[in-house]
Amino acid sequence: MLGQTHFGGFMFGKKSDSKRVKEAASELAETMMLWGLDRGTATNYGLQFANQALENKVSNLRGMSEGENLAELYLSGREPQTPYGQLFIKIIEKYEPQRELDSVTPDDFYWYWSMPMLEREFIHAMSNAYRTGLTLVMLQSRDWQSEEEMWAISTLECDRNTVKYGLIAPENLDKKDKTRPIPFELYRRIETYRAQPYPVEAKKRLIKLDNQNAFIREQIARAAL
């Protein structure tokens, strides 16, 4: 499992949300099947994840229009001119300590924050689908002695084999915790790296660390990705 990866190659064209949801659902299902999940289950989950991404977009926008490029606004230091820009620049500023701690570059930032909100939500969905696919396969893999054992081992296997992405508020940011969630801005760089075979020396360190997030942070510190 250590060599498996995924990368959501979503296209940011001018397509209707309904068409993008259909396309994303298919890709999400294919991602879950990388772990050996059956097509029927993967298809159902893929559609759920894609529809949830659309619901998240609608909820987050609160009726606002995406009228400004958030990446350009933030990197240039310009004042936002729309309610959408004003709201999300505040959110971006809030999580700046996490990005700095994990060496997010301006290029990483621009890639993530210049895409439409629905595409950002699909990135979140892809990360969730990949971990969920492995979790479901683990749950079906044996007769568990207890529910506690089932979830403990499944979570451990997910953390060994997949990268966990997410936001961490400044007050909860533990610099010593190398297994903490990684900013979504690094998703493209990390998954592109993971799509290639790891060098033998890197594999040995990954096995020793027993956690993808800790390993990825070591690789970033070593300028290996």
Protein backbone atom coordinates (compact mmCIF):
# COMPACT_ATOMS: atom_id res chain seq x y z
CA MET A 1 0.00 0.00 0.00
CA LEU A 2 2.87 2.40 0.70
CA GLY A 3 3.38 3.08 -2.99
CA GLN A 4 -0.21 3.90 -3.85
CA THR A 5 -1.30 7.45 -4.46
CA HIS A 6 -3.85 9.55 -6.29
CA PHE A 7 -4.02 12.97 -7.80
CA GLY A 8 -7.19 14.87 -8.60
CA GLY A 9 -6.59 16.34 -12.02
CA PHE A 10 -9.69 18.49 -12.05
CA MET A 11 -10.14 20.84 -14.99
CA PHE A 12 -11.11 24.42 -14.22
CA GLY A 13 -13.09 25.21 -17.38
CA LYS A 14 -16.34 27.07 -17.77
CA LYS A 15 -18.75 24.21 -17.14
CA SER A 16 -22.01 24.10 -15.26
CA ASP A 17 -21.87 22.98 -11.65
CA SER A 18 -24.08 19.98 -12.43
CA LYS A 19 -21.71 18.80 -15.17
CA ARG A 20 -18.69 19.26 -12.93
CA VAL A 21 -20.36 17.30 -10.13
CA LYS A 22 -21.00 14.41 -12.52
CA GLU A 23 -17.39 14.46 -13.74
CA ALA A 24 -15.97 14.73 -10.24
CA ALA A 25 -18.19 11.90 -8.95
CA SER A 26 -16.69 9.59 -11.55
CA GLU A 27 -13.12 10.55 -10.67
CA LEU A 28 -13.80 10.24 -6.96
CA ALA A 29 -15.19 6.73 -7.48
CA GLU A 30 -12.14 5.72 -9.51
CA THR A 31 -9.91 7.01 -6.71
CA MET A 32 -11.71 4.89 -4.12
CA MET A 33 -11.39 1.81 -6.31
CA LEU A 34 -7.59 2.14 -6.21
CA TRP A 35 -7.83 0.35 -2.86
CA GLY A 36 -9.91 -2.50 -4.30
CA LEU A 37 -13.33 -1.15 -3.31
CA ASP A 38 -16.12 -2.53 -5.49
CA ARG A 39 -17.44 -0.23 -8.21
CA GLY A 40 -21.01 -0.03 -6.89
CA THR A 41 -19.98 1.16 -3.44
CA ALA A 42 -17.33 3.50 -4.86
CA THR A 43 -19.83 5.03 -7.30
CA ASN A 44 -22.33 5.71 -4.52
CA TYR A 45 -19.72 7.33 -2.31
CA GLY A 46 -18.25 9.28 -5.22
CA LEU A 47 -21.63 10.84 -5.94
CA GLN A 48 -22.15 11.63 -2.26
CA PHE A 49 -18.76 13.34 -1.99
CA ALA A 50 -19.30 15.33 -5.20
CA ASN A 51 -22.77 16.50 -4.18
CA GLN A 52 -21.47 17.43 -0.73
CA ALA A 53 -18.78 19.56 -2.40
CA LEU A 54 -21.49 21.46 -4.27
CA GLU A 55 -23.51 21.90 -1.07
CA ASN A 56 -20.41 23.22 0.70
CA LYS A 57 -19.85 25.73 -2.09
CA VAL A 58 -23.41 27.05 -1.85
CA SER A 59 -23.22 27.21 1.94
CA ASN A 60 -19.83 28.96 1.98
CA LEU A 61 -20.78 31.56 -0.62
CA ARG A 62 -23.96 32.54 1.26
CA GLY A 63 -25.42 33.98 -1.92
CA MET A 64 -22.27 35.94 -2.82
CA SER A 65 -20.64 35.93 -6.24
CA GLU A 66 -17.02 34.86 -6.76
CA GLY A 67 -15.98 38.19 -8.21
CA GLU A 68 -12.34 38.45 -7.15
CA ASN A 69 -9.26 36.24 -7.48
CA LEU A 70 -8.38 35.53 -3.85
CA ALA A 71 -4.79 34.51 -4.61
CA GLU A 72 -4.03 37.73 -6.46
CA LEU A 73 -5.71 39.82 -3.77
CA TYR A 74 -3.76 38.27 -0.92
CA LEU A 75 -0.37 38.10 -2.62
CA SER A 76 -0.60 41.68 -3.88
CA GLY A 77 -1.83 43.08 -0.57
CA ARG A 78 -4.71 44.88 -2.30
CA GLU A 79 -7.89 45.59 -0.39
CA PRO A 80 -10.82 43.36 -1.41
CA GLN A 81 -13.71 45.22 -3.05
CA THR A 82 -16.50 42.64 -2.64
CA PRO A 83 -18.15 40.88 0.32
CA TYR A 84 -16.73 37.60 -1.07
CA GLY A 85 -13.18 38.96 -1.08
CA GLN A 86 -13.51 40.58 2.32
CA LEU A 87 -14.79 37.38 3.95
CA PHE A 88 -12.29 34.97 2.47
CA ILE A 89 -9.24 37.19 2.87
CA LYS A 90 -9.99 37.16 6.60
CA ILE A 91 -10.16 33.37 6.52
CA ILE A 92 -6.89 33.17 4.58
CA GLU A 93 -5.18 35.50 7.06
CA LYS A 94 -6.40 33.42 10.01
CA TYR A 95 -4.61 30.29 8.81
CA GLU A 96 -1.37 32.00 7.78
CA PRO A 97 0.60 30.49 10.74
CA GLN A 98 -0.21 26.96 9.55
CA ARG A 99 0.93 27.75 6.00
CA GLU A 100 4.17 29.32 7.22
CA LEU A 101 4.94 26.37 9.49
CA ASP A 102 4.50 23.91 6.62
CA SER A 103 6.48 25.91 4.04
CA VAL A 104 3.63 26.73 1.67
CA THR A 105 5.14 28.70 -1.22
CA PRO A 106 3.49 31.56 -3.16
CA ASP A 107 3.13 29.12 -6.07
CA ASP A 108 1.34 26.58 -3.85
CA PHE A 109 -0.87 29.34 -2.53
CA TYR A 110 -1.68 30.74 -5.95
CA TRP A 111 -2.58 27.31 -7.37
CA TYR A 112 -5.08 26.62 -4.61
CA TRP A 113 -6.66 30.02 -4.00
CA SER A 114 -6.98 31.10 -7.64
CA MET A 115 -9.25 28.17 -8.52
CA PRO A 116 -13.05 28.45 -8.21
CA MET A 117 -14.54 27.46 -4.88
CA LEU A 118 -16.20 24.34 -6.27
CA GLU A 119 -12.82 23.05 -7.45
CA ARG A 120 -11.32 23.67 -4.01
CA GLU A 121 -14.19 21.68 -2.53
CA PHE A 122 -13.47 18.86 -4.99
CA ILE A 123 -9.87 18.80 -3.74
CA HIS A 124 -11.19 18.33 -0.20
CA ALA A 125 -13.54 15.63 -1.47
CA MET A 126 -10.70 13.82 -3.26
CA SER A 127 -8.64 13.71 -0.07
CA ASN A 128 -11.63 12.39 1.88
CA ALA A 129 -12.53 9.84 -0.78
CA TYR A 130 -9.01 8.42 -0.87
CA ARG A 131 -8.95 7.88 2.90
CA THR A 132 -12.54 6.63 2.96
CA GLY A 133 -11.82 4.07 0.24
CA LEU A 134 -9.00 2.54 2.30
CA THR A 135 -11.08 2.67 5.49
CA LEU A 136 -13.98 0.78 3.87
CA VAL A 137 -11.65 -1.89 2.50
CA MET A 138 -10.08 -2.27 5.95
CA LEU A 139 -13.47 -2.59 7.64
CA GLN A 140 -14.42 -5.37 5.22
CA SER A 141 -11.07 -7.17 5.45
CA ARG A 142 -11.64 -9.33 8.53
CA ASP A 143 -13.87 -10.21 11.44
CA TRP A 144 -12.94 -7.68 14.11
CA GLN A 145 -12.85 -8.59 17.80
CA SER A 146 -14.31 -5.22 18.76
CA GLU A 147 -15.42 -1.93 17.26
CA GLU A 148 -12.57 -0.19 19.08
CA GLU A 149 -10.00 -2.48 17.45
CA MET A 150 -11.62 -2.02 14.04
CA TRP A 151 -11.46 1.76 14.09
CA ALA A 152 -8.04 1.95 15.75
CA ILE A 153 -6.35 -0.30 13.18
CA SER A 154 -8.22 1.28 10.25
CA THR A 155 -7.17 4.77 11.32
CA LEU A 156 -3.56 3.66 11.77
CA GLU A 157 -3.55 2.10 8.29
CA CYS A 158 -4.98 5.30 6.78
CA ASP A 159 -2.34 7.44 8.44
CA ARG A 160 0.38 5.07 7.22
CA ASN A 161 -0.76 5.14 3.62
CA THR A 162 -2.49 8.46 2.96
CA VAL A 163 -1.82 12.12 3.64
CA LYS A 164 -4.27 13.82 5.96
CA TYR A 165 -5.05 17.39 4.90
CA GLY A 166 -6.97 20.00 6.87
CA LEU A 167 -7.06 23.42 8.53
CA ILE A 168 -5.67 24.10 11.99
CA ALA A 169 -6.56 27.31 13.80
CA PRO A 170 -3.56 29.16 15.31
CA GLU A 171 -4.62 28.40 18.89
CA ASN A 172 -4.58 24.65 18.11
CA LEU A 173 -1.36 24.55 16.10
CA ASP A 174 1.07 22.14 17.78
CA LYS A 175 4.47 22.60 16.16
CA LYS A 176 5.81 19.42 17.76
CA ASP A 177 3.10 17.22 16.24
CA LYS A 178 4.56 16.08 12.92
CA THR A 179 1.43 14.04 12.15
CA ARG A 180 -0.93 17.04 12.23
CA PRO A 181 -3.05 17.80 9.12
CA ILE A 182 -1.24 19.37 6.17
CA PRO A 183 -2.56 22.55 4.46
CA PHE A 184 -4.58 21.94 1.29
CA GLU A 185 -2.35 24.42 -0.54
CA LEU A 186 0.31 21.67 -0.64
CA TYR A 187 -2.02 19.08 -2.17
CA ARG A 188 -0.79 19.37 -5.77
CA ARG A 189 2.90 19.35 -4.84
CA ILE A 190 2.56 16.42 -2.45
CA GLU A 191 0.36 14.21 -4.60
CA THR A 192 2.53 14.83 -7.67
CA TYR A 193 5.52 13.70 -5.61
CA ARG A 194 3.69 10.66 -4.26
CA ALA A 195 2.68 9.57 -7.75
CA GLN A 196 6.32 8.64 -8.40
CA PRO A 197 8.10 5.63 -6.83
CA TYR A 198 9.85 6.57 -3.61
CA PRO A 199 13.64 6.13 -3.51
CA VAL A 200 14.77 3.14 -1.40
CA GLU A 201 16.18 5.38 1.32
CA ALA A 202 12.93 7.35 1.52
CA LYS A 203 10.88 4.16 1.79
CA LYS A 204 12.98 3.04 4.76
CA ARG A 205 12.35 6.34 6.54
CA LEU A 206 8.64 6.14 5.79
CA ILE A 207 8.45 2.66 7.29
CA LYS A 208 10.33 3.87 10.36
CA LEU A 209 8.11 6.94 10.81
CA ASP A 210 4.95 4.88 10.15
CA ASN A 211 3.01 8.01 9.19
CA GLN A 212 2.65 9.73 5.80
CA ASN A 213 2.29 13.24 7.22
CA ALA A 214 5.46 12.95 9.30
CA PHE A 215 7.30 11.53 6.28
CA ILE A 216 6.08 14.29 3.94
CA ARG A 217 7.22 16.94 6.41
CA GLU A 218 10.68 15.35 6.48
CA GLN A 219 10.78 15.35 2.69
CA ILE A 220 9.82 19.03 2.55
CA ALA A 221 12.53 19.86 5.11
CA ARG A 222 15.02 17.94 2.95
CA ALA A 223 13.87 19.87 -0.15
CA ALA A 224 12.94 16.52 -1.73
CA LEU A 225 9.60 17.84 -2.97
